[in-house]
Amino acid sequence: MQDWLPVRLAPRDGTPVILWIEDEEAMPTYPVTVGVWETDDMTRRSHWRVFGARYGTHIYFDQHIVGWRPLPPHHRA
């Protein structure tokens, strides 16, 4: 897990991050993807929301996240 940070240190403010996901019950289409932490307005439960072009939005909880990384900085040429 070199260069991956523990999920407990991930930002919980809606900042997009790169997530490494493992879920034995429902394997993700892309195990490394971009997600954001959000809280559902109705249930008040918080989760990771990730996007997949083919299958739409999915949610995962901390136990499904192996690690995270910040998005690379945007550089102008």
PDB file of N, CA and C in Angstrom:
ATOM      1  N   MET A   1       0.826  -1.189   0.000  1.00  0.00           N
ATOM      2  CA  MET A   1       0.000   0.000   0.000  1.00  0.00           C
ATOM      3  C   MET A   1       0.869   1.251   0.000  1.00  0.00           C
ATOM      4  N   GLN A   2       2.010   1.140  -0.606  1.00  0.00           N
ATOM      5  CA  GLN A   2       2.947   2.254  -0.666  1.00  0.00           C
ATOM      6  C   GLN A   2       2.308   3.450  -1.369  1.00  0.00           C
ATOM      7  N   ASP A   3       2.479   4.621  -0.825  1.00  0.00           N
ATOM      8  CA  ASP A   3       1.968   5.885  -1.358  1.00  0.00           C
ATOM      9  C   ASP A   3       0.456   6.061  -1.190  1.00  0.00           C
ATOM     10  N   TRP A   4      -0.244   5.122  -0.609  1.00  0.00           N
ATOM     11  CA  TRP A   4      -1.667   5.274  -0.333  1.00  0.00           C
ATOM     12  C   TRP A   4      -1.834   5.667   1.130  1.00  0.00           C
ATOM     13  N   LEU A   5      -2.716   6.608   1.394  1.00  0.00           N
ATOM     14  CA  LEU A   5      -2.968   7.092   2.751  1.00  0.00           C
ATOM     15  C   LEU A   5      -4.146   6.346   3.361  1.00  0.00           C
ATOM     16  N   PRO A   6      -4.177   6.179   4.689  1.00  0.00           N
ATOM     17  CA  PRO A   6      -5.311   5.506   5.325  1.00  0.00           C
ATOM     18  C   PRO A   6      -6.589   6.343   5.201  1.00  0.00           C
ATOM     19  N   VAL A   7      -7.708   5.662   5.054  1.00  0.00           N
ATOM     20  CA  VAL A   7      -8.986   6.343   4.840  1.00  0.00           C
ATOM     21  C   VAL A   7      -9.343   7.264   6.009  1.00  0.00           C
ATOM     22  N   ARG A   8      -8.870   6.972   7.196  1.00  0.00           N
ATOM     23  CA  ARG A   8      -9.190   7.831   8.340  1.00  0.00           C
ATOM     24  C   ARG A   8      -8.620   9.237   8.177  1.00  0.00           C
ATOM     25  N   LEU A   9      -7.634   9.396   7.272  1.00  0.00           N
ATOM     26  CA  LEU A   9      -7.032  10.707   7.026  1.00  0.00           C
ATOM     27  C   LEU A   9      -7.614  11.414   5.798  1.00  0.00           C
ATOM     28  N   ALA A  10      -8.571  10.798   5.139  1.00  0.00           N
ATOM     29  CA  ALA A  10      -9.152  11.385   3.925  1.00  0.00           C
ATOM     30  C   ALA A  10      -9.998  12.617   4.258  1.00  0.00           C
ATOM     31  N   PRO A  11     -10.012  13.600   3.375  1.00  0.00           N
ATOM     32  CA  PRO A  11     -10.825  14.799   3.625  1.00  0.00           C
ATOM     33  C   PRO A  11     -12.317  14.464   3.618  1.00  0.00           C
ATOM     34  N   ARG A  12     -13.043  15.070   4.519  1.00  0.00           N
ATOM     35  CA  ARG A  12     -14.492  14.830   4.641  1.00  0.00           C
ATOM     36  C   ARG A  12     -15.270  16.105   4.319  1.00  0.00           C
ATOM     37  N   ASP A  13     -14.723  16.916   3.421  1.00  0.00           N
ATOM     38  CA  ASP A  13     -15.330  18.208   3.106  1.00  0.00           C
ATOM     39  C   ASP A  13     -15.825  18.308   1.665  1.00  0.00           C
ATOM     40  N   GLY A  14     -15.947  17.178   0.971  1.00  0.00           N
ATOM     41  CA  GLY A  14     -16.405  17.201  -0.417  1.00  0.00           C
ATOM     42  C   GLY A  14     -15.281  17.337  -1.433  1.00  0.00           C
ATOM     43  N   THR A  15     -14.032  17.328  -0.969  1.00  0.00           N
ATOM     44  CA  THR A  15     -12.889  17.401  -1.871  1.00  0.00           C
ATOM     45  C   THR A  15     -12.762  16.089  -2.642  1.00  0.00           C
ATOM     46  N   PRO A  16     -12.715  16.129  -3.978  1.00  0.00           N
ATOM     47  CA  PRO A  16     -12.522  14.886  -4.737  1.00  0.00           C
ATOM     48  C   PRO A  16     -11.140  14.296  -4.478  1.00  0.00           C
ATOM     49  N   VAL A  17     -11.090  12.987  -4.302  1.00  0.00           N
ATOM     50  CA  VAL A  17      -9.830  12.267  -4.079  1.00  0.00           C
ATOM     51  C   VAL A  17      -9.837  10.979  -4.888  1.00  0.00           C
ATOM     52  N   ILE A  18      -8.663  10.400  -5.070  1.00  0.00           N
ATOM     53  CA  ILE A  18      -8.542   9.095  -5.717  1.00  0.00           C
ATOM     54  C   ILE A  18      -8.717   8.035  -4.638  1.00  0.00           C
ATOM     55  N   LEU A  19      -9.605   7.076  -4.877  1.00  0.00           N
ATOM     56  CA  LEU A  19      -9.906   6.023  -3.902  1.00  0.00           C
ATOM     57  C   LEU A  19      -9.536   4.660  -4.456  1.00  0.00           C
ATOM     58  N   TRP A  20      -8.994   3.812  -3.593  1.00  0.00           N
ATOM     59  CA  TRP A  20      -8.755   2.398  -3.911  1.00  0.00           C
ATOM     60  C   TRP A  20      -9.829   1.632  -3.156  1.00  0.00           C
ATOM     61  N   ILE A  21     -10.749   1.014  -3.900  1.00  0.00           N
ATOM     62  CA  ILE A  21     -11.931   0.374  -3.321  1.00  0.00           C
ATOM     63  C   ILE A  21     -11.815  -1.141  -3.425  1.00  0.00           C
ATOM     64  N   GLU A  22     -12.177  -1.828  -2.343  1.00  0.00           N
ATOM     65  CA  GLU A  22     -12.330  -3.286  -2.363  1.00  0.00           C
ATOM     66  C   GLU A  22     -13.636  -3.620  -1.677  1.00  0.00           C
ATOM     67  N   ASP A  23     -14.492  -4.341  -2.371  1.00  0.00           N
ATOM     68  CA  ASP A  23     -15.787  -4.735  -1.821  1.00  0.00           C
ATOM     69  C   ASP A  23     -16.087  -6.147  -2.307  1.00  0.00           C
ATOM     70  N   GLU A  24     -15.948  -7.129  -1.434  1.00  0.00           N
ATOM     71  CA  GLU A  24     -16.146  -8.533  -1.818  1.00  0.00           C
ATOM     72  C   GLU A  24     -17.579  -8.821  -2.239  1.00  0.00           C
ATOM     73  N   GLU A  25     -18.554  -8.112  -1.667  1.00  0.00           N
ATOM     74  CA  GLU A  25     -19.958  -8.372  -1.987  1.00  0.00           C
ATOM     75  C   GLU A  25     -20.373  -7.779  -3.323  1.00  0.00           C
ATOM     76  N   ALA A  26     -19.794  -6.677  -3.707  1.00  0.00           N
ATOM     77  CA  ALA A  26     -20.133  -6.031  -4.980  1.00  0.00           C
ATOM     78  C   ALA A  26     -18.869  -5.393  -5.524  1.00  0.00           C
ATOM     79  N   MET A  27     -18.111  -6.173  -6.255  1.00  0.00           N
ATOM     80  CA  MET A  27     -16.841  -5.677  -6.770  1.00  0.00           C
ATOM     81  C   MET A  27     -17.056  -4.420  -7.607  1.00  0.00           C
ATOM     82  N   PRO A  28     -16.287  -3.374  -7.334  1.00  0.00           N
ATOM     83  CA  PRO A  28     -16.435  -2.158  -8.141  1.00  0.00           C
ATOM     84  C   PRO A  28     -15.955  -2.381  -9.571  1.00  0.00           C
ATOM     85  N   THR A  29     -16.550  -1.664 -10.506  1.00  0.00           N
ATOM     86  CA  THR A  29     -16.136  -1.756 -11.899  1.00  0.00           C
ATOM     87  C   THR A  29     -14.701  -1.272 -12.056  1.00  0.00           C
ATOM     88  N   TYR A  30     -14.382  -0.213 -11.360  1.00  0.00           N
ATOM     89  CA  TYR A  30     -13.036   0.361 -11.383  1.00  0.00           C
ATOM     90  C   TYR A  30     -12.537   0.430  -9.947  1.00  0.00           C
ATOM     91  N   PRO A  31     -11.615  -0.442  -9.514  1.00  0.00           N
ATOM     92  CA  PRO A  31     -11.183  -0.448  -8.117  1.00  0.00           C
ATOM     93  C   PRO A  31     -10.442   0.817  -7.705  1.00  0.00           C
ATOM     94  N   VAL A  32      -9.886   1.555  -8.661  1.00  0.00           N
ATOM     95  CA  VAL A  32      -9.270   2.846  -8.365  1.00  0.00           C
ATOM     96  C   VAL A  32     -10.056   3.891  -9.137  1.00  0.00           C
ATOM     97  N   THR A  33     -10.656   4.817  -8.403  1.00  0.00           N
ATOM     98  CA  THR A  33     -11.542   5.801  -9.020  1.00  0.00           C
ATOM     99  C   THR A  33     -11.528   7.089  -8.207  1.00  0.00           C
ATOM    100  N   VAL A  34     -12.270   8.069  -8.646  1.00  0.00           N
ATOM    101  CA  VAL A  34     -12.392   9.342  -7.925  1.00  0.00           C
ATOM    102  C   VAL A  34     -13.709   9.348  -7.174  1.00  0.00           C
ATOM    103  N   GLY A  35     -13.662   9.834  -5.942  1.00  0.00           N
ATOM    104  CA  GLY A  35     -14.872   9.924  -5.136  1.00  0.00           C
ATOM    105  C   GLY A  35     -14.844  11.136  -4.223  1.00  0.00           C
ATOM    106  N   VAL A  36     -15.995  11.437  -3.651  1.00  0.00           N
ATOM    107  CA  VAL A  36     -16.126  12.537  -2.688  1.00  0.00           C
ATOM    108  C   VAL A  36     -16.914  12.039  -1.486  1.00  0.00           C
ATOM    109  N   TRP A  37     -16.614  12.581  -0.315  1.00  0.00           N
ATOM    110  CA  TRP A  37     -17.337  12.269   0.910  1.00  0.00           C
ATOM    111  C   TRP A  37     -18.551  13.173   0.964  1.00  0.00           C
ATOM    112  N   GLU A  38     -19.718  12.588   1.221  1.00  0.00           N
ATOM    113  CA  GLU A  38     -20.921  13.397   1.330  1.00  0.00           C
ATOM    114  C   GLU A  38     -21.870  12.795   2.352  1.00  0.00           C
ATOM    115  N   THR A  39     -22.804  13.614   2.796  1.00  0.00           N
ATOM    116  CA  THR A  39     -23.831  13.187   3.749  1.00  0.00           C
ATOM    117  C   THR A  39     -25.186  13.289   3.066  1.00  0.00           C
ATOM    118  N   ASP A  40     -25.964  12.214   3.128  1.00  0.00           N
ATOM    119  CA  ASP A  40     -27.301  12.187   2.548  1.00  0.00           C
ATOM    120  C   ASP A  40     -28.213  13.121   3.326  1.00  0.00           C
ATOM    121  N   ASP A  41     -28.911  13.984   2.627  1.00  0.00           N
ATOM    122  CA  ASP A  41     -29.794  14.953   3.278  1.00  0.00           C
ATOM    123  C   ASP A  41     -30.938  14.307   4.053  1.00  0.00           C
ATOM    124  N   MET A  42     -31.456  13.199   3.559  1.00  0.00           N
ATOM    125  CA  MET A  42     -32.608  12.572   4.203  1.00  0.00           C
ATOM    126  C   MET A  42     -32.214  11.661   5.364  1.00  0.00           C
ATOM    127  N   THR A  43     -31.200  10.815   5.147  1.00  0.00           N
ATOM    128  CA  THR A  43     -30.843   9.833   6.178  1.00  0.00           C
ATOM    129  C   THR A  43     -29.771  10.341   7.137  1.00  0.00           C
ATOM    130  N   ARG A  44     -29.059  11.386   6.727  1.00  0.00           N
ATOM    131  CA  ARG A  44     -27.934  11.954   7.496  1.00  0.00           C
ATOM    132  C   ARG A  44     -26.762  10.989   7.603  1.00  0.00           C
ATOM    133  N   ARG A  45     -26.767   9.912   6.807  1.00  0.00           N
ATOM    134  CA  ARG A  45     -25.635   8.976   6.779  1.00  0.00           C
ATOM    135  C   ARG A  45     -24.592   9.497   5.806  1.00  0.00           C
ATOM    136  N   SER A  46     -23.324   9.349   6.168  1.00  0.00           N
ATOM    137  CA  SER A  46     -22.230   9.797   5.314  1.00  0.00           C
ATOM    138  C   SER A  46     -21.603   8.611   4.602  1.00  0.00           C
ATOM    139  N   HIS A  47     -21.079   8.865   3.406  1.00  0.00           N
ATOM    140  CA  HIS A  47     -20.511   7.802   2.581  1.00  0.00           C
ATOM    141  C   HIS A  47     -19.620   8.413   1.504  1.00  0.00           C
ATOM    142  N   TRP A  48     -18.899   7.543   0.809  1.00  0.00           N
ATOM    143  CA  TRP A  48     -18.122   7.937  -0.356  1.00  0.00           C
ATOM    144  C   TRP A  48     -18.983   7.774  -1.594  1.00  0.00           C
ATOM    145  N   ARG A  49     -19.094   8.814  -2.396  1.00  0.00           N
ATOM    146  CA  ARG A  49     -19.843   8.743  -3.655  1.00  0.00           C
ATOM    147  C   ARG A  49     -18.833   8.700  -4.787  1.00  0.00           C
ATOM    148  N   VAL A  50     -18.912   7.674  -5.610  1.00  0.00           N
ATOM    149  CA  VAL A  50     -18.011   7.528  -6.754  1.00  0.00           C
ATOM    150  C   VAL A  50     -18.842   7.460  -8.023  1.00  0.00           C
ATOM    151  N   PHE A  51     -18.215   7.777  -9.137  1.00  0.00           N
ATOM    152  CA  PHE A  51     -18.908   7.832 -10.417  1.00  0.00           C
ATOM    153  C   PHE A  51     -18.317   6.822 -11.376  1.00  0.00           C
ATOM    154  N   GLY A  52     -19.165   6.199 -12.148  1.00  0.00           N
ATOM    155  CA  GLY A  52     -18.753   5.308 -13.219  1.00  0.00           C
ATOM    156  C   GLY A  52     -19.575   5.658 -14.440  1.00  0.00           C
ATOM    157  N   ALA A  53     -18.924   5.943 -15.546  1.00  0.00           N
ATOM    158  CA  ALA A  53     -19.626   6.385 -16.745  1.00  0.00           C
ATOM    159  C   ALA A  53     -20.694   5.396 -17.189  1.00  0.00           C
ATOM    160  N   ARG A  54     -20.411   4.130 -17.044  1.00  0.00           N
ATOM    161  CA  ARG A  54     -21.332   3.109 -17.535  1.00  0.00           C
ATOM    162  C   ARG A  54     -22.473   2.809 -16.557  1.00  0.00           C
ATOM    163  N   TYR A  55     -22.186   2.837 -15.270  1.00  0.00           N
ATOM    164  CA  TYR A  55     -23.168   2.393 -14.290  1.00  0.00           C
ATOM    165  C   TYR A  55     -23.664   3.500 -13.370  1.00  0.00           C
ATOM    166  N   GLY A  56     -23.282   4.731 -13.599  1.00  0.00           N
ATOM    167  CA  GLY A  56     -23.771   5.837 -12.788  1.00  0.00           C
ATOM    168  C   GLY A  56     -23.051   5.958 -11.451  1.00  0.00           C
ATOM    169  N   THR A  57     -23.769   6.467 -10.462  1.00  0.00           N
ATOM    170  CA  THR A  57     -23.205   6.746  -9.149  1.00  0.00           C
ATOM    171  C   THR A  57     -23.314   5.541  -8.223  1.00  0.00           C
ATOM    172  N   HIS A  58     -22.282   5.318  -7.412  1.00  0.00           N
ATOM    173  CA  HIS A  58     -22.276   4.261  -6.408  1.00  0.00           C
ATOM    174  C   HIS A  58     -21.821   4.858  -5.091  1.00  0.00           C
ATOM    175  N   ILE A  59     -22.195   4.229  -3.991  1.00  0.00           N
ATOM    176  CA  ILE A  59     -21.706   4.678  -2.693  1.00  0.00           C
ATOM    177  C   ILE A  59     -20.941   3.549  -2.015  1.00  0.00           C
ATOM    178  N   TYR A  60     -19.943   3.939  -1.239  1.00  0.00           N
ATOM    179  CA  TYR A  60     -19.135   3.010  -0.463  1.00  0.00           C
ATOM    180  C   TYR A  60     -18.898   3.612   0.910  1.00  0.00           C
ATOM    181  N   PHE A  61     -18.597   2.763   1.869  1.00  0.00           N
ATOM    182  CA  PHE A  61     -18.307   3.210   3.220  1.00  0.00           C
ATOM    183  C   PHE A  61     -16.826   2.976   3.515  1.00  0.00           C
ATOM    184  N   ASP A  62     -16.337   3.533   4.608  1.00  0.00           N
ATOM    185  CA  ASP A  62     -14.912   3.450   4.923  1.00  0.00           C
ATOM    186  C   ASP A  62     -14.366   2.028   4.878  1.00  0.00           C
ATOM    187  N   GLN A  63     -15.139   1.040   5.302  1.00  0.00           N
ATOM    188  CA  GLN A  63     -14.629  -0.329   5.322  1.00  0.00           C
ATOM    189  C   GLN A  63     -14.326  -0.854   3.917  1.00  0.00           C
ATOM    190  N   HIS A  64     -14.830  -0.202   2.874  1.00  0.00           N
ATOM    191  CA  HIS A  64     -14.560  -0.615   1.499  1.00  0.00           C
ATOM    192  C   HIS A  64     -13.336   0.082   0.902  1.00  0.00           C
ATOM    193  N   ILE A  65     -12.800   1.075   1.606  1.00  0.00           N
ATOM    194  CA  ILE A  65     -11.707   1.876   1.061  1.00  0.00           C
ATOM    195  C   ILE A  65     -10.373   1.368   1.614  1.00  0.00           C
ATOM    196  N   VAL A  66      -9.489   0.922   0.720  1.00  0.00           N
ATOM    197  CA  VAL A  66      -8.170   0.439   1.102  1.00  0.00           C
ATOM    198  C   VAL A  66      -7.257   1.632   1.385  1.00  0.00           C
ATOM    199  N   GLY A  67      -7.365   2.671   0.579  1.00  0.00           N
ATOM    200  CA  GLY A  67      -6.538   3.853   0.746  1.00  0.00           C
ATOM    201  C   GLY A  67      -7.008   4.958  -0.182  1.00  0.00           C
ATOM    202  N   TRP A  68      -6.363   6.103  -0.059  1.00  0.00           N
ATOM    203  CA  TRP A  68      -6.708   7.251  -0.897  1.00  0.00           C
ATOM    204  C   TRP A  68      -5.451   8.058  -1.207  1.00  0.00           C
ATOM    205  N   ARG A  69      -5.575   8.876  -2.242  1.00  0.00           N
ATOM    206  CA  ARG A  69      -4.523   9.816  -2.644  1.00  0.00           C
ATOM    207  C   ARG A  69      -5.200  11.106  -3.073  1.00  0.00           C
ATOM    208  N   PRO A  70      -4.502  12.236  -2.898  1.00  0.00           N
ATOM    209  CA  PRO A  70      -5.061  13.467  -3.442  1.00  0.00           C
ATOM    210  C   PRO A  70      -4.991  13.437  -4.966  1.00  0.00           C
ATOM    211  N   LEU A  71      -5.858  14.198  -5.616  1.00  0.00           N
ATOM    212  CA  LEU A  71      -5.776  14.334  -7.058  1.00  0.00           C
ATOM    213  C   LEU A  71      -4.477  15.044  -7.419  1.00  0.00           C
ATOM    214  N   PRO A  72      -3.873  14.732  -8.549  1.00  0.00           N
ATOM    215  CA  PRO A  72      -2.645  15.434  -8.922  1.00  0.00           C
ATOM    216  C   PRO A  72      -2.942  16.918  -9.151  1.00  0.00           C
ATOM    217  N   PRO A  73      -1.971  17.764  -8.854  1.00  0.00           N
ATOM    218  CA  PRO A  73      -2.193  19.198  -9.083  1.00  0.00           C
ATOM    219  C   PRO A  73      -2.329  19.501 -10.564  1.00  0.00           C
ATOM    220  N   HIS A  74      -3.078  20.539 -10.860  1.00  0.00           N
ATOM    221  CA  HIS A  74      -3.276  20.967 -12.241  1.00  0.00           C
ATOM    222  C   HIS A  74      -2.133  21.906 -12.606  1.00  0.00           C
ATOM    223  N   HIS A  75      -1.388  21.568 -13.636  1.00  0.00           N
ATOM    224  CA  HIS A  75      -0.263  22.400 -14.080  1.00  0.00           C
ATOM    225  C   HIS A  75      -0.562  22.962 -15.456  1.00  0.00           C
ATOM    226  N   ARG A  76      -0.254  24.201 -15.636  1.00  0.00           N
ATOM    227  CA  ARG A  76      -0.407  24.813 -16.959  1.00  0.00           C
ATOM    228  C   ARG A  76       0.934  24.779 -17.680  1.00  0.00           C
ATOM    229  N   ALA A  77       0.879  24.462 -18.966  1.00  0.00           N
ATOM    230  CA  ALA A  77       2.118  24.382 -19.764  1.00  0.00           C
ATOM    231  C   ALA A  77       2.583  25.764 -20.200  1.00  0.00           C
TER     232      ALA A  77
END
